[in-house]
Amino acid sequence: MFDKKAVFFCSSCSGIDEKYNRAAREAVRAACSKGYGVVSGGSFRGTMNVVADTATECGAPNIGVLPRFMTGLQHPRLSQLIWTDTMSERKEKMREGTSLAVALPGGIGTMDELFETLTLAKLGQYAGKVVALDIDGFYEPVKAILNHFLEKGMVDEHTLTLIAFPKTVEEFAGII
C-alpha cells in the first residue's frame, strides 16, 4: 500500500499555534491515504512528534533521520531510525528515495530544508514535488521573497513553477 515516500520538514518547537499541528496531522493523513510512507526529522519534539505519531497511527512506514549529536531526541515509535554525522547529511538522507517534499510551517531549519530542496529541484537533482503548506498565510513572506528574486532577475519563472503553496490540506491532497 505504501509504495512511495514523502519527506516532511517541520518545526521542532513546542508551544506553536495548534492550527499548525492540526494541519500537520491532516497533511500526513492525506499523504498516507495516497500511499506515501513518511520520512521526518525523527524527533519527539514539536511538529516532528505530530508527524511521527500520525504516520504511526496511519500504519505507514515512519522513518526518522537524526544526526548523532541529537541522540536522546529520537521519537520512540519510528519504524526506522537513520543516524547521520551532520545536518547536511541528514537533509540528504531525508530526501533520499522520496517523490514528495512537504514543508509544514516551521522555523529556520525548515526554511533551510525547503530552500535546499527547491534549489536541487531547479538543478535537476530532486525530481519530486516540492510543496510548502501555506496554512493561514504562513508562507506568504517566502512567496514574496521569491517574487522579489524574480523581479530582480535572480530566479527565472520556471523556478517558481517548481514549488506549490497550497493554502489548505484539501488543496494539498489534490496536488499530491
N, C-alpha and C. Protein backbone atom coordinates (compact mmCIF):
# COMPACT_ATOMS: atom_id res chain seq x y z
N MET A 1 0.82 -1.20 0.00
CA MET A 1 0.00 0.00 0.00
C MET A 1 0.86 1.27 0.00
N PHE A 2 1.92 1.29 0.77
CA PHE A 2 2.79 2.47 0.85
C PHE A 2 3.94 2.27 -0.12
N ASP A 3 3.71 2.67 -1.37
CA ASP A 3 4.67 2.41 -2.44
C ASP A 3 5.54 3.61 -2.80
N LYS A 4 5.40 4.70 -2.04
CA LYS A 4 6.22 5.88 -2.27
C LYS A 4 6.47 6.55 -0.93
N LYS A 5 7.39 7.53 -0.94
CA LYS A 5 7.75 8.20 0.31
C LYS A 5 7.65 9.71 0.17
N ALA A 6 7.21 10.35 1.26
CA ALA A 6 7.16 11.81 1.35
C ALA A 6 8.00 12.24 2.53
N VAL A 7 8.80 13.27 2.34
CA VAL A 7 9.56 13.84 3.45
C VAL A 7 8.80 15.07 3.94
N PHE A 8 8.67 15.16 5.25
CA PHE A 8 8.01 16.29 5.88
C PHE A 8 9.05 17.09 6.66
N PHE A 9 9.23 18.35 6.29
CA PHE A 9 10.09 19.28 7.01
C PHE A 9 9.18 20.09 7.92
N CYS A 10 9.56 20.22 9.19
CA CYS A 10 8.66 20.91 10.12
C CYS A 10 9.39 21.35 11.38
N SER A 11 8.64 21.99 12.24
CA SER A 11 9.18 22.59 13.45
C SER A 11 9.48 21.55 14.54
N SER A 12 10.53 21.83 15.29
CA SER A 12 10.83 21.03 16.48
C SER A 12 10.43 21.79 17.75
N CYS A 13 9.82 22.95 17.56
CA CYS A 13 9.46 23.80 18.71
C CYS A 13 8.11 23.39 19.30
N SER A 14 8.05 23.43 20.61
CA SER A 14 6.79 23.21 21.30
C SER A 14 6.11 24.56 21.48
N GLY A 15 4.83 24.54 21.74
CA GLY A 15 4.13 25.77 22.03
C GLY A 15 3.73 26.57 20.81
N ILE A 16 3.82 26.01 19.61
CA ILE A 16 3.37 26.74 18.43
C ILE A 16 1.84 26.66 18.36
N ASP A 17 1.24 27.52 17.57
CA ASP A 17 -0.21 27.56 17.43
C ASP A 17 -0.72 26.17 17.01
N GLU A 18 -1.70 25.68 17.69
CA GLU A 18 -2.23 24.33 17.44
C GLU A 18 -2.75 24.18 16.00
N LYS A 19 -3.12 25.27 15.34
CA LYS A 19 -3.62 25.13 13.97
C LYS A 19 -2.56 24.53 13.05
N TYR A 20 -1.28 24.79 13.34
CA TYR A 20 -0.22 24.23 12.51
C TYR A 20 -0.06 22.73 12.75
N ASN A 21 -0.16 22.31 14.00
CA ASN A 21 -0.08 20.87 14.28
C ASN A 21 -1.31 20.14 13.76
N ARG A 22 -2.47 20.77 13.83
CA ARG A 22 -3.69 20.18 13.27
C ARG A 22 -3.51 19.99 11.76
N ALA A 23 -2.99 21.00 11.08
CA ALA A 23 -2.75 20.90 9.64
C ALA A 23 -1.71 19.81 9.34
N ALA A 24 -0.69 19.70 10.19
CA ALA A 24 0.32 18.65 10.01
C ALA A 24 -0.33 17.27 10.07
N ARG A 25 -1.17 17.04 11.08
CA ARG A 25 -1.88 15.75 11.20
C ARG A 25 -2.67 15.45 9.93
N GLU A 26 -3.43 16.45 9.49
CA GLU A 26 -4.28 16.25 8.32
C GLU A 26 -3.44 16.02 7.05
N ALA A 27 -2.33 16.74 6.92
CA ALA A 27 -1.47 16.57 5.74
C ALA A 27 -0.82 15.19 5.72
N VAL A 28 -0.36 14.73 6.87
CA VAL A 28 0.24 13.38 6.94
C VAL A 28 -0.83 12.33 6.61
N ARG A 29 -2.02 12.48 7.17
CA ARG A 29 -3.11 11.53 6.85
C ARG A 29 -3.42 11.53 5.35
N ALA A 30 -3.46 12.72 4.76
CA ALA A 30 -3.72 12.82 3.32
C ALA A 30 -2.64 12.10 2.52
N ALA A 31 -1.38 12.33 2.89
CA ALA A 31 -0.27 11.67 2.18
C ALA A 31 -0.35 10.15 2.35
N CYS A 32 -0.59 9.70 3.58
CA CYS A 32 -0.68 8.26 3.83
C CYS A 32 -1.83 7.64 3.05
N SER A 33 -2.95 8.35 2.95
CA SER A 33 -4.11 7.82 2.22
C SER A 33 -3.81 7.68 0.73
N LYS A 34 -2.79 8.40 0.26
CA LYS A 34 -2.39 8.32 -1.16
C LYS A 34 -1.18 7.41 -1.35
N GLY A 35 -0.85 6.62 -0.32
CA GLY A 35 0.20 5.62 -0.46
C GLY A 35 1.60 6.06 -0.09
N TYR A 36 1.74 7.19 0.55
CA TYR A 36 3.06 7.67 0.94
C TYR A 36 3.44 7.17 2.33
N GLY A 37 4.62 6.60 2.46
CA GLY A 37 5.26 6.43 3.74
C GLY A 37 5.87 7.77 4.12
N VAL A 38 6.25 7.92 5.38
CA VAL A 38 6.67 9.22 5.89
C VAL A 38 8.13 9.20 6.34
N VAL A 39 8.85 10.23 5.94
CA VAL A 39 10.21 10.49 6.43
C VAL A 39 10.15 11.84 7.12
N SER A 40 10.78 11.93 8.29
CA SER A 40 10.81 13.21 9.00
C SER A 40 12.12 13.33 9.76
N GLY A 41 12.23 14.43 10.50
CA GLY A 41 13.42 14.67 11.29
C GLY A 41 13.60 13.71 12.44
N GLY A 42 12.57 12.94 12.77
CA GLY A 42 12.72 11.83 13.70
C GLY A 42 12.69 12.16 15.18
N SER A 43 12.43 13.40 15.53
CA SER A 43 12.44 13.79 16.94
C SER A 43 11.05 13.65 17.56
N PHE A 44 11.04 13.61 18.89
CA PHE A 44 9.77 13.61 19.62
C PHE A 44 9.34 15.03 19.97
N ARG A 45 10.01 16.02 19.45
CA ARG A 45 9.72 17.41 19.77
C ARG A 45 8.85 18.08 18.71
N GLY A 46 7.99 18.98 19.15
CA GLY A 46 7.23 19.85 18.27
C GLY A 46 6.41 19.12 17.23
N THR A 47 6.34 19.72 16.05
CA THR A 47 5.55 19.15 14.96
C THR A 47 6.17 17.85 14.46
N MET A 48 7.47 17.66 14.65
CA MET A 48 8.08 16.37 14.28
C MET A 48 7.40 15.23 15.02
N ASN A 49 7.05 15.45 16.28
CA ASN A 49 6.33 14.45 17.06
C ASN A 49 4.96 14.18 16.46
N VAL A 50 4.27 15.24 16.07
CA VAL A 50 2.94 15.10 15.46
C VAL A 50 3.03 14.29 14.18
N VAL A 51 4.01 14.60 13.34
CA VAL A 51 4.19 13.88 12.07
C VAL A 51 4.44 12.40 12.33
N ALA A 52 5.36 12.09 13.24
CA ALA A 52 5.70 10.69 13.53
C ALA A 52 4.51 9.96 14.15
N ASP A 53 3.83 10.58 15.09
CA ASP A 53 2.66 9.94 15.71
C ASP A 53 1.59 9.65 14.67
N THR A 54 1.32 10.61 13.80
CA THR A 54 0.26 10.45 12.80
C THR A 54 0.62 9.37 11.79
N ALA A 55 1.87 9.33 11.36
CA ALA A 55 2.29 8.27 10.43
C ALA A 55 2.10 6.91 11.08
N THR A 56 2.46 6.79 12.35
CA THR A 56 2.28 5.53 13.07
C THR A 56 0.81 5.16 13.15
N GLU A 57 -0.04 6.13 13.48
CA GLU A 57 -1.49 5.88 13.57
C GLU A 57 -2.06 5.42 12.23
N CYS A 58 -1.49 5.91 11.14
CA CYS A 58 -1.94 5.53 9.80
C CYS A 58 -1.38 4.18 9.36
N GLY A 59 -0.46 3.62 10.13
CA GLY A 59 0.16 2.36 9.75
C GLY A 59 1.21 2.50 8.66
N ALA A 60 1.65 3.71 8.44
CA ALA A 60 2.63 3.99 7.37
C ALA A 60 4.04 3.75 7.86
N PRO A 61 4.95 3.42 6.97
CA PRO A 61 6.36 3.44 7.35
C PRO A 61 6.68 4.83 7.88
N ASN A 62 7.42 4.87 8.95
CA ASN A 62 7.66 6.10 9.70
C ASN A 62 9.16 6.19 9.97
N ILE A 63 9.86 6.81 9.04
CA ILE A 63 11.32 6.84 9.07
C ILE A 63 11.78 8.19 9.63
N GLY A 64 12.66 8.15 10.61
CA GLY A 64 13.23 9.36 11.18
C GLY A 64 14.71 9.43 10.88
N VAL A 65 15.22 10.62 10.67
CA VAL A 65 16.63 10.83 10.37
C VAL A 65 17.17 11.87 11.35
N LEU A 66 18.16 11.46 12.13
CA LEU A 66 18.73 12.34 13.15
C LEU A 66 20.26 12.31 13.11
N PRO A 67 20.88 13.46 13.31
CA PRO A 67 22.33 13.46 13.46
C PRO A 67 22.69 12.91 14.84
N ARG A 68 23.82 12.26 14.93
CA ARG A 68 24.23 11.61 16.18
C ARG A 68 24.27 12.56 17.38
N PHE A 69 24.54 13.84 17.15
CA PHE A 69 24.60 14.75 18.29
C PHE A 69 23.21 15.01 18.89
N MET A 70 22.16 14.48 18.25
CA MET A 70 20.81 14.60 18.80
C MET A 70 20.34 13.31 19.47
N THR A 71 21.28 12.44 19.79
CA THR A 71 20.94 11.20 20.49
C THR A 71 20.12 11.53 21.73
N GLY A 72 19.06 10.78 21.91
CA GLY A 72 18.16 11.01 23.04
C GLY A 72 16.90 11.75 22.64
N LEU A 73 16.88 12.33 21.44
CA LEU A 73 15.71 13.07 20.98
C LEU A 73 14.84 12.27 20.01
N GLN A 74 15.23 11.03 19.72
CA GLN A 74 14.52 10.25 18.73
C GLN A 74 13.12 9.87 19.23
N HIS A 75 12.18 9.90 18.29
CA HIS A 75 10.81 9.51 18.56
C HIS A 75 10.80 8.02 18.89
N PRO A 76 10.06 7.60 19.91
CA PRO A 76 10.13 6.20 20.33
C PRO A 76 9.41 5.20 19.41
N ARG A 77 8.55 5.69 18.50
CA ARG A 77 7.77 4.74 17.69
C ARG A 77 8.11 4.80 16.20
N LEU A 78 9.32 5.17 15.87
CA LEU A 78 9.73 5.15 14.47
C LEU A 78 9.84 3.72 13.99
N SER A 79 9.46 3.47 12.75
CA SER A 79 9.67 2.13 12.19
C SER A 79 11.12 1.95 11.75
N GLN A 80 11.80 3.07 11.52
CA GLN A 80 13.23 3.02 11.17
C GLN A 80 13.86 4.33 11.60
N LEU A 81 15.05 4.25 12.15
CA LEU A 81 15.82 5.43 12.53
C LEU A 81 17.15 5.38 11.81
N ILE A 82 17.45 6.45 11.11
CA ILE A 82 18.71 6.57 10.38
C ILE A 82 19.54 7.64 11.08
N TRP A 83 20.76 7.27 11.47
CA TRP A 83 21.68 8.22 12.11
C TRP A 83 22.60 8.81 11.06
N THR A 84 22.90 10.10 11.20
CA THR A 84 23.86 10.76 10.31
C THR A 84 24.90 11.46 11.17
N ASP A 85 25.95 11.92 10.52
CA ASP A 85 27.01 12.63 11.24
C ASP A 85 26.80 14.14 11.23
N THR A 86 26.13 14.66 10.22
CA THR A 86 25.97 16.11 10.09
C THR A 86 24.53 16.46 9.71
N MET A 87 24.20 17.73 9.87
CA MET A 87 22.89 18.21 9.44
C MET A 87 22.76 18.14 7.91
N SER A 88 23.83 18.41 7.18
CA SER A 88 23.79 18.33 5.72
C SER A 88 23.49 16.91 5.27
N GLU A 89 24.16 15.94 5.90
CA GLU A 89 23.90 14.54 5.57
C GLU A 89 22.46 14.18 5.93
N ARG A 90 21.96 14.73 7.03
CA ARG A 90 20.58 14.47 7.45
C ARG A 90 19.61 14.89 6.35
N LYS A 91 19.77 16.09 5.81
CA LYS A 91 18.86 16.57 4.77
C LYS A 91 18.91 15.66 3.55
N GLU A 92 20.10 15.26 3.17
CA GLU A 92 20.26 14.37 2.02
C GLU A 92 19.55 13.05 2.25
N LYS A 93 19.75 12.46 3.43
CA LYS A 93 19.12 11.18 3.76
C LYS A 93 17.60 11.31 3.86
N MET A 94 17.13 12.46 4.37
CA MET A 94 15.69 12.65 4.47
C MET A 94 15.04 12.66 3.09
N ARG A 95 15.67 13.27 2.11
CA ARG A 95 15.11 13.35 0.75
C ARG A 95 15.27 12.06 -0.03
N GLU A 96 16.23 11.25 0.34
CA GLU A 96 16.60 10.07 -0.43
C GLU A 96 15.39 9.16 -0.67
N GLY A 97 15.11 8.89 -1.94
CA GLY A 97 14.04 7.97 -2.30
C GLY A 97 12.63 8.55 -2.18
N THR A 98 12.52 9.85 -1.91
CA THR A 98 11.19 10.46 -1.79
C THR A 98 10.75 11.04 -3.13
N SER A 99 9.45 11.11 -3.31
CA SER A 99 8.90 11.75 -4.51
C SER A 99 8.04 12.97 -4.15
N LEU A 100 8.06 13.33 -2.87
CA LEU A 100 7.30 14.48 -2.39
C LEU A 100 8.04 15.07 -1.20
N ALA A 101 8.28 16.38 -1.25
CA ALA A 101 8.90 17.10 -0.14
C ALA A 101 7.90 18.16 0.33
N VAL A 102 7.51 18.07 1.60
CA VAL A 102 6.49 18.95 2.15
C VAL A 102 7.09 19.77 3.28
N ALA A 103 7.04 21.09 3.12
CA ALA A 103 7.44 21.98 4.20
C ALA A 103 6.17 22.41 4.92
N LEU A 104 6.03 21.96 6.15
CA LEU A 104 4.96 22.44 7.02
C LEU A 104 5.45 23.74 7.64
N PRO A 105 4.59 24.51 8.27
CA PRO A 105 5.09 25.70 8.96
C PRO A 105 6.21 25.34 9.93
N GLY A 106 7.29 26.08 9.86
CA GLY A 106 8.46 25.80 10.70
C GLY A 106 9.39 26.99 10.74
N GLY A 107 10.52 26.81 11.38
CA GLY A 107 11.48 27.89 11.57
C GLY A 107 12.64 27.82 10.60
N ILE A 108 13.82 28.24 11.08
CA ILE A 108 14.97 28.36 10.19
C ILE A 108 15.44 27.01 9.64
N GLY A 109 15.32 25.95 10.42
CA GLY A 109 15.69 24.63 9.91
C GLY A 109 14.79 24.21 8.76
N THR A 110 13.50 24.46 8.92
CA THR A 110 12.54 24.13 7.86
C THR A 110 12.82 24.96 6.61
N MET A 111 13.13 26.24 6.81
CA MET A 111 13.44 27.09 5.64
C MET A 111 14.68 26.59 4.92
N ASP A 112 15.69 26.19 5.68
CA ASP A 112 16.91 25.63 5.10
C ASP A 112 16.58 24.40 4.26
N GLU A 113 15.79 23.50 4.82
CA GLU A 113 15.42 22.27 4.12
C GLU A 113 14.61 22.58 2.86
N LEU A 114 13.67 23.52 2.98
CA LEU A 114 12.83 23.89 1.84
C LEU A 114 13.65 24.51 0.72
N PHE A 115 14.48 25.50 1.06
CA PHE A 115 15.25 26.17 0.01
C PHE A 115 16.30 25.25 -0.61
N GLU A 116 16.91 24.38 0.18
CA GLU A 116 17.87 23.44 -0.42
C GLU A 116 17.15 22.49 -1.37
N THR A 117 15.98 22.02 -0.98
CA THR A 117 15.23 21.10 -1.84
C THR A 117 14.78 21.80 -3.11
N LEU A 118 14.31 23.04 -3.00
CA LEU A 118 13.92 23.80 -4.18
C LEU A 118 15.13 24.04 -5.10
N THR A 119 16.27 24.34 -4.50
CA THR A 119 17.49 24.52 -5.30
C THR A 119 17.85 23.24 -6.04
N LEU A 120 17.77 22.11 -5.35
CA LEU A 120 18.07 20.83 -6.00
C LEU A 120 17.07 20.53 -7.13
N ALA A 121 15.80 20.87 -6.91
CA ALA A 121 14.79 20.69 -7.97
C ALA A 121 15.15 21.56 -9.18
N LYS A 122 15.54 22.79 -8.94
CA LYS A 122 15.94 23.71 -10.02
C LYS A 122 17.13 23.15 -10.80
N LEU A 123 18.05 22.52 -10.09
CA LEU A 123 19.25 21.97 -10.72
C LEU A 123 19.04 20.56 -11.30
N GLY A 124 17.82 20.06 -11.21
CA GLY A 124 17.52 18.72 -11.73
C GLY A 124 18.02 17.60 -10.85
N GLN A 125 18.30 17.89 -9.59
CA GLN A 125 18.84 16.89 -8.67
C GLN A 125 17.78 16.36 -7.69
N TYR A 126 16.59 16.92 -7.72
CA TYR A 126 15.46 16.38 -6.95
C TYR A 126 14.26 16.39 -7.89
N ALA A 127 13.73 15.19 -8.16
CA ALA A 127 12.66 15.05 -9.14
C ALA A 127 11.27 15.06 -8.52
N GLY A 128 11.20 15.07 -7.20
CA GLY A 128 9.90 15.04 -6.55
C GLY A 128 9.20 16.39 -6.56
N LYS A 129 7.94 16.37 -6.12
CA LYS A 129 7.18 17.61 -5.96
C LYS A 129 7.67 18.32 -4.70
N VAL A 130 7.70 19.64 -4.76
CA VAL A 130 8.08 20.47 -3.61
C VAL A 130 6.85 21.30 -3.24
N VAL A 131 6.44 21.17 -1.97
CA VAL A 131 5.22 21.81 -1.51
C VAL A 131 5.50 22.51 -0.18
N ALA A 132 5.00 23.74 -0.06
CA ALA A 132 5.04 24.47 1.21
C ALA A 132 3.59 24.71 1.61
N LEU A 133 3.15 24.06 2.67
CA LEU A 133 1.75 24.15 3.11
C LEU A 133 1.52 25.52 3.75
N ASP A 134 0.80 26.37 3.03
CA ASP A 134 0.64 27.78 3.37
C ASP A 134 -0.57 28.02 4.28
N ILE A 135 -0.62 27.31 5.39
CA ILE A 135 -1.72 27.44 6.34
C ILE A 135 -1.75 28.86 6.91
N ASP A 136 -2.91 29.49 6.79
CA ASP A 136 -3.13 30.82 7.36
C ASP A 136 -2.09 31.84 6.86
N GLY A 137 -1.63 31.65 5.61
CA GLY A 137 -0.68 32.59 5.02
C GLY A 137 0.74 32.49 5.54
N PHE A 138 1.07 31.37 6.21
CA PHE A 138 2.40 31.23 6.81
C PHE A 138 3.52 31.48 5.81
N TYR A 139 3.36 30.98 4.58
CA TYR A 139 4.44 31.09 3.59
C TYR A 139 4.31 32.30 2.67
N GLU A 140 3.41 33.24 2.96
CA GLU A 140 3.30 34.45 2.16
C GLU A 140 4.63 35.21 2.08
N PRO A 141 5.38 35.37 3.18
CA PRO A 141 6.68 36.06 3.06
C PRO A 141 7.67 35.32 2.15
N VAL A 142 7.61 34.00 2.14
CA VAL A 142 8.50 33.23 1.25
C VAL A 142 8.10 33.46 -0.20
N LYS A 143 6.80 33.45 -0.46
CA LYS A 143 6.33 33.73 -1.82
C LYS A 143 6.76 35.14 -2.24
N ALA A 144 6.68 36.09 -1.32
CA ALA A 144 7.07 37.47 -1.62
C ALA A 144 8.56 37.55 -1.95
N ILE A 145 9.39 36.85 -1.20
CA ILE A 145 10.84 36.92 -1.48
C ILE A 145 11.15 36.23 -2.81
N LEU A 146 10.47 35.16 -3.12
CA LEU A 146 10.68 34.50 -4.41
C LEU A 146 10.25 35.42 -5.56
N ASN A 147 9.13 36.11 -5.39
CA ASN A 147 8.70 37.06 -6.42
C ASN A 147 9.68 38.24 -6.53
N HIS A 148 10.23 38.67 -5.40
CA HIS A 148 11.26 39.71 -5.41
C HIS A 148 12.47 39.24 -6.21
N PHE A 149 12.89 38.01 -5.94
CA PHE A 149 14.02 37.44 -6.69
C PHE A 149 13.71 37.41 -8.19
N LEU A 150 12.47 37.04 -8.54
CA LEU A 150 12.06 37.01 -9.95
C LEU A 150 12.13 38.41 -10.55
N GLU A 151 11.59 39.41 -9.85
CA GLU A 151 11.60 40.79 -10.33
C GLU A 151 13.02 41.31 -10.54
N LYS A 152 13.96 40.88 -9.71
CA LYS A 152 15.34 41.34 -9.80
C LYS A 152 16.20 40.48 -10.72
N GLY A 153 15.58 39.45 -11.33
CA GLY A 153 16.32 38.59 -12.26
C GLY A 153 17.19 37.55 -11.59
N MET A 154 16.96 37.29 -10.31
CA MET A 154 17.79 36.33 -9.57
C MET A 154 17.29 34.89 -9.73
N VAL A 155 16.02 34.72 -10.10
CA VAL A 155 15.47 33.42 -10.46
C VAL A 155 14.61 33.62 -11.70
N ASP A 156 14.37 32.54 -12.41
CA ASP A 156 13.51 32.63 -13.58
C ASP A 156 12.11 32.12 -13.23
N GLU A 157 11.17 32.36 -14.12
CA GLU A 157 9.78 31.95 -13.88
C GLU A 157 9.67 30.44 -13.70
N HIS A 158 10.48 29.68 -14.42
CA HIS A 158 10.42 28.22 -14.28
C HIS A 158 10.67 27.79 -12.84
N THR A 159 11.60 28.44 -12.18
CA THR A 159 11.91 28.09 -10.79
C THR A 159 10.66 28.17 -9.91
N LEU A 160 9.85 29.20 -10.13
CA LEU A 160 8.65 29.37 -9.31
C LEU A 160 7.59 28.31 -9.60
N THR A 161 7.71 27.63 -10.74
CA THR A 161 6.75 26.55 -11.03
C THR A 161 7.13 25.25 -10.31
N LEU A 162 8.31 25.22 -9.73
CA LEU A 162 8.80 24.00 -9.07
C LEU A 162 8.30 23.84 -7.64
N ILE A 163 7.58 24.84 -7.12
CA ILE A 163 7.09 24.79 -5.76
C ILE A 163 5.62 25.18 -5.75
N ALA A 164 4.84 24.44 -4.98
CA ALA A 164 3.42 24.74 -4.82
C ALA A 164 3.17 25.23 -3.40
N PHE A 165 2.22 26.14 -3.26
CA PHE A 165 1.87 26.72 -1.97
C PHE A 165 0.38 26.53 -1.68
N PRO A 166 -0.07 25.29 -1.49
CA PRO A 166 -1.49 25.10 -1.19
C PRO A 166 -1.86 25.76 0.13
N LYS A 167 -3.04 26.37 0.16
CA LYS A 167 -3.48 27.11 1.35
C LYS A 167 -4.26 26.23 2.33
N THR A 168 -4.72 25.08 1.88
CA THR A 168 -5.48 24.18 2.75
C THR A 168 -4.97 22.75 2.56
N VAL A 169 -5.30 21.91 3.51
CA VAL A 169 -4.93 20.50 3.38
C VAL A 169 -5.70 19.86 2.23
N GLU A 170 -6.92 20.29 2.01
CA GLU A 170 -7.70 19.76 0.88
C GLU A 170 -7.01 20.08 -0.44
N GLU A 171 -6.54 21.31 -0.58
CA GLU A 171 -5.80 21.68 -1.79
C GLU A 171 -4.51 20.88 -1.90
N PHE A 172 -3.83 20.70 -0.78
CA PHE A 172 -2.62 19.88 -0.74
C PHE A 172 -2.91 18.47 -1.23
N ALA A 173 -3.98 17.87 -0.69
CA ALA A 173 -4.33 16.50 -1.06
C ALA A 173 -4.63 16.39 -2.55
N GLY A 174 -5.15 17.45 -3.14
CA GLY A 174 -5.47 17.43 -4.56
C GLY A 174 -4.28 17.51 -5.49
N ILE A 175 -3.12 17.95 -4.97
CA ILE A 175 -1.96 18.08 -5.84
C ILE A 175 -0.89 17.00 -5.63
N ILE A 176 -1.08 16.20 -4.59
CA ILE A 176 -0.05 15.16 -4.36
C ILE A 176 -0.43 13.85 -5.00
